[in-house]
Amino acid sequence: MIQTETGADIFRLTPVEAYGDDLFERAQDELNNGIRPELTELPEQEVIDQYDTILLGFPIWWYDLPPCMDIHGGL
């Protein structure tokens, strides 16, 4: 939806270990224990530096962002 509205470039951030049938249990374990899954296919810093604004779109997990999107240390 963000890309449709803005015409922005898209970079998909996905966890190294894909979510499977245990989605609910895994998501709750990550949330409850502060686990942040490793991401794959991250853009290089040179690519990120080309942008003035970066918008992150993600599903809401129990009224919060998914643990894998908790990037307080920066990309």
N, C-alpha and C. Protein backbone atom coordinates (compact mmCIF):
# COMPACT_ATOMS: atom_id res chain seq x y z
N MET A 1 0.82 -1.19 0.00
CA MET A 1 0.00 0.00 0.00
C MET A 1 0.87 1.26 0.00
N ILE A 2 1.97 1.22 0.76
CA ILE A 2 2.85 2.39 0.81
C ILE A 2 3.44 2.65 -0.58
N GLN A 3 3.88 1.58 -1.24
CA GLN A 3 4.49 1.72 -2.56
C GLN A 3 3.47 2.26 -3.56
N THR A 4 2.25 1.79 -3.49
CA THR A 4 1.20 2.26 -4.40
C THR A 4 0.95 3.75 -4.21
N GLU A 5 0.91 4.20 -2.97
CA GLU A 5 0.62 5.60 -2.67
C GLU A 5 1.79 6.53 -2.99
N THR A 6 3.03 6.05 -2.82
CA THR A 6 4.19 6.93 -2.93
C THR A 6 5.06 6.70 -4.15
N GLY A 7 4.92 5.53 -4.79
CA GLY A 7 5.81 5.18 -5.90
C GLY A 7 7.22 4.85 -5.43
N ALA A 8 7.36 4.56 -4.14
CA ALA A 8 8.67 4.32 -3.53
C ALA A 8 9.28 3.00 -3.99
N ASP A 9 10.60 2.90 -3.82
CA ASP A 9 11.30 1.64 -4.03
C ASP A 9 10.94 0.71 -2.87
N ILE A 10 11.01 -0.60 -3.13
CA ILE A 10 10.67 -1.58 -2.10
C ILE A 10 11.87 -2.48 -1.83
N PHE A 11 12.17 -2.67 -0.56
CA PHE A 11 13.15 -3.65 -0.12
C PHE A 11 12.43 -4.53 0.89
N ARG A 12 12.36 -5.81 0.63
CA ARG A 12 11.66 -6.73 1.53
C ARG A 12 12.64 -7.25 2.57
N LEU A 13 12.32 -7.07 3.84
CA LEU A 13 13.14 -7.57 4.94
C LEU A 13 12.47 -8.83 5.48
N THR A 14 13.16 -9.93 5.43
CA THR A 14 12.59 -11.20 5.88
C THR A 14 13.54 -11.88 6.86
N PRO A 15 13.00 -12.65 7.80
CA PRO A 15 13.86 -13.36 8.74
C PRO A 15 14.58 -14.50 8.03
N VAL A 16 15.80 -14.81 8.49
CA VAL A 16 16.58 -15.91 7.91
C VAL A 16 15.79 -17.21 8.02
N GLU A 17 15.22 -17.45 9.20
CA GLU A 17 14.39 -18.64 9.40
C GLU A 17 12.94 -18.24 9.17
N ALA A 18 12.36 -18.74 8.10
CA ALA A 18 10.98 -18.38 7.74
C ALA A 18 10.00 -18.85 8.81
N TYR A 19 8.91 -18.12 8.96
CA TYR A 19 7.85 -18.52 9.86
C TYR A 19 7.05 -19.63 9.20
N GLY A 20 6.70 -20.64 9.99
CA GLY A 20 5.96 -21.78 9.45
C GLY A 20 4.66 -21.99 10.18
N ASP A 21 4.32 -23.26 10.36
CA ASP A 21 3.06 -23.62 10.99
C ASP A 21 3.01 -23.23 12.46
N ASP A 22 4.18 -23.03 13.09
CA ASP A 22 4.24 -22.66 14.50
C ASP A 22 4.25 -21.14 14.69
N LEU A 23 3.70 -20.42 13.74
CA LEU A 23 3.73 -18.96 13.73
C LEU A 23 3.30 -18.36 15.06
N PHE A 24 2.16 -18.78 15.58
CA PHE A 24 1.64 -18.18 16.80
C PHE A 24 2.60 -18.39 17.97
N GLU A 25 3.05 -19.63 18.17
CA GLU A 25 3.94 -19.94 19.28
C GLU A 25 5.27 -19.22 19.13
N ARG A 26 5.82 -19.23 17.93
CA ARG A 26 7.11 -18.57 17.71
C ARG A 26 6.99 -17.05 17.91
N ALA A 27 5.95 -16.47 17.37
CA ALA A 27 5.76 -15.02 17.51
C ALA A 27 5.61 -14.63 18.97
N GLN A 28 4.85 -15.41 19.71
CA GLN A 28 4.66 -15.09 21.12
C GLN A 28 5.96 -15.28 21.91
N ASP A 29 6.73 -16.30 21.59
CA ASP A 29 8.02 -16.53 22.25
C ASP A 29 8.97 -15.37 21.96
N GLU A 30 9.03 -14.93 20.72
CA GLU A 30 9.90 -13.80 20.36
C GLU A 30 9.49 -12.54 21.11
N LEU A 31 8.21 -12.28 21.14
CA LEU A 31 7.70 -11.08 21.80
C LEU A 31 7.95 -11.13 23.32
N ASN A 32 7.66 -12.26 23.93
CA ASN A 32 7.79 -12.39 25.38
C ASN A 32 9.25 -12.41 25.85
N ASN A 33 10.16 -12.87 25.00
CA ASN A 33 11.55 -13.04 25.41
C ASN A 33 12.51 -12.07 24.73
N GLY A 34 11.98 -11.08 24.05
CA GLY A 34 12.83 -10.07 23.42
C GLY A 34 13.75 -10.63 22.35
N ILE A 35 13.31 -11.68 21.69
CA ILE A 35 14.11 -12.31 20.63
C ILE A 35 13.91 -11.53 19.34
N ARG A 36 15.00 -11.14 18.71
CA ARG A 36 14.94 -10.45 17.42
C ARG A 36 15.58 -11.34 16.37
N PRO A 37 14.77 -11.96 15.51
CA PRO A 37 15.32 -12.86 14.50
C PRO A 37 16.27 -12.13 13.56
N GLU A 38 17.28 -12.84 13.12
CA GLU A 38 18.22 -12.29 12.14
C GLU A 38 17.49 -12.09 10.82
N LEU A 39 17.78 -10.98 10.17
CA LEU A 39 17.15 -10.69 8.87
C LEU A 39 18.09 -11.04 7.74
N THR A 40 17.51 -11.32 6.60
CA THR A 40 18.28 -11.63 5.41
C THR A 40 18.00 -10.58 4.35
N GLU A 41 18.85 -10.50 3.37
CA GLU A 41 18.67 -9.60 2.23
C GLU A 41 18.57 -8.13 2.64
N LEU A 42 19.39 -7.71 3.59
CA LEU A 42 19.41 -6.30 3.97
C LEU A 42 20.11 -5.48 2.89
N PRO A 43 19.58 -4.31 2.58
CA PRO A 43 20.27 -3.44 1.62
C PRO A 43 21.62 -3.00 2.17
N GLU A 44 22.57 -2.80 1.31
CA GLU A 44 23.88 -2.30 1.71
C GLU A 44 23.75 -0.87 2.23
N GLN A 45 24.65 -0.46 3.10
CA GLN A 45 24.61 0.88 3.69
C GLN A 45 24.66 1.96 2.61
N GLU A 46 25.42 1.73 1.53
CA GLU A 46 25.50 2.73 0.45
C GLU A 46 24.12 2.95 -0.19
N VAL A 47 23.34 1.88 -0.27
CA VAL A 47 21.98 2.00 -0.84
C VAL A 47 21.10 2.79 0.12
N ILE A 48 21.15 2.46 1.39
CA ILE A 48 20.35 3.16 2.40
C ILE A 48 20.68 4.64 2.43
N ASP A 49 21.96 4.95 2.30
CA ASP A 49 22.41 6.35 2.36
C ASP A 49 21.86 7.21 1.22
N GLN A 50 21.34 6.59 0.16
CA GLN A 50 20.81 7.34 -0.98
C GLN A 50 19.42 7.95 -0.69
N TYR A 51 18.81 7.55 0.41
CA TYR A 51 17.44 7.97 0.70
C TYR A 51 17.41 9.01 1.82
N ASP A 52 16.56 10.01 1.67
CA ASP A 52 16.33 11.00 2.72
C ASP A 52 15.29 10.50 3.72
N THR A 53 14.33 9.71 3.24
CA THR A 53 13.25 9.20 4.07
C THR A 53 13.08 7.71 3.81
N ILE A 54 12.95 6.94 4.88
CA ILE A 54 12.71 5.50 4.77
C ILE A 54 11.44 5.19 5.56
N LEU A 55 10.48 4.58 4.90
CA LEU A 55 9.23 4.17 5.55
C LEU A 55 9.27 2.66 5.72
N LEU A 56 8.94 2.19 6.92
CA LEU A 56 8.86 0.76 7.17
C LEU A 56 7.39 0.37 7.31
N GLY A 57 6.98 -0.59 6.53
CA GLY A 57 5.62 -1.11 6.63
C GLY A 57 5.69 -2.53 7.14
N PHE A 58 4.84 -2.89 8.09
CA PHE A 58 4.88 -4.22 8.67
C PHE A 58 3.55 -4.52 9.34
N PRO A 59 3.28 -5.82 9.54
CA PRO A 59 2.06 -6.18 10.28
C PRO A 59 2.23 -5.88 11.76
N ILE A 60 1.16 -5.61 12.44
CA ILE A 60 1.19 -5.35 13.87
C ILE A 60 1.03 -6.68 14.62
N TRP A 61 1.92 -6.90 15.59
CA TRP A 61 1.88 -8.12 16.41
C TRP A 61 1.50 -7.72 17.82
N TRP A 62 0.34 -8.09 18.26
CA TRP A 62 -0.10 -7.80 19.62
C TRP A 62 0.14 -6.33 19.96
N TYR A 63 -0.33 -5.44 19.10
CA TYR A 63 -0.27 -3.99 19.29
C TYR A 63 1.16 -3.43 19.28
N ASP A 64 2.08 -4.13 18.63
CA ASP A 64 3.48 -3.70 18.57
C ASP A 64 4.06 -4.10 17.22
N LEU A 65 5.27 -3.63 16.94
CA LEU A 65 5.93 -4.04 15.72
C LEU A 65 6.51 -5.43 15.89
N PRO A 66 6.67 -6.20 14.80
CA PRO A 66 7.26 -7.53 14.91
C PRO A 66 8.69 -7.43 15.45
N PRO A 67 9.10 -8.38 16.29
CA PRO A 67 10.46 -8.31 16.87
C PRO A 67 11.56 -8.16 15.82
N CYS A 68 11.41 -8.77 14.66
CA CYS A 68 12.46 -8.67 13.64
C CYS A 68 12.56 -7.26 13.08
N MET A 69 11.58 -6.41 13.31
CA MET A 69 11.62 -5.03 12.82
C MET A 69 12.12 -4.05 13.87
N ASP A 70 12.48 -4.55 15.04
CA ASP A 70 12.98 -3.68 16.11
C ASP A 70 14.44 -3.35 15.79
N ILE A 71 14.64 -2.25 15.10
CA ILE A 71 15.97 -1.90 14.57
C ILE A 71 16.52 -0.66 15.27
N HIS A 72 16.35 -0.57 16.57
CA HIS A 72 16.80 0.62 17.30
C HIS A 72 18.28 0.93 17.08
N GLY A 73 19.08 -0.07 16.75
CA GLY A 73 20.49 0.17 16.47
C GLY A 73 20.72 0.69 15.07
N GLY A 74 19.67 0.77 14.28
CA GLY A 74 19.77 1.22 12.90
C GLY A 74 20.01 0.07 11.95
N LEU A 75 19.75 0.32 10.70
CA LEU A 75 20.00 -0.70 9.67
C LEU A 75 21.44 -0.70 9.30
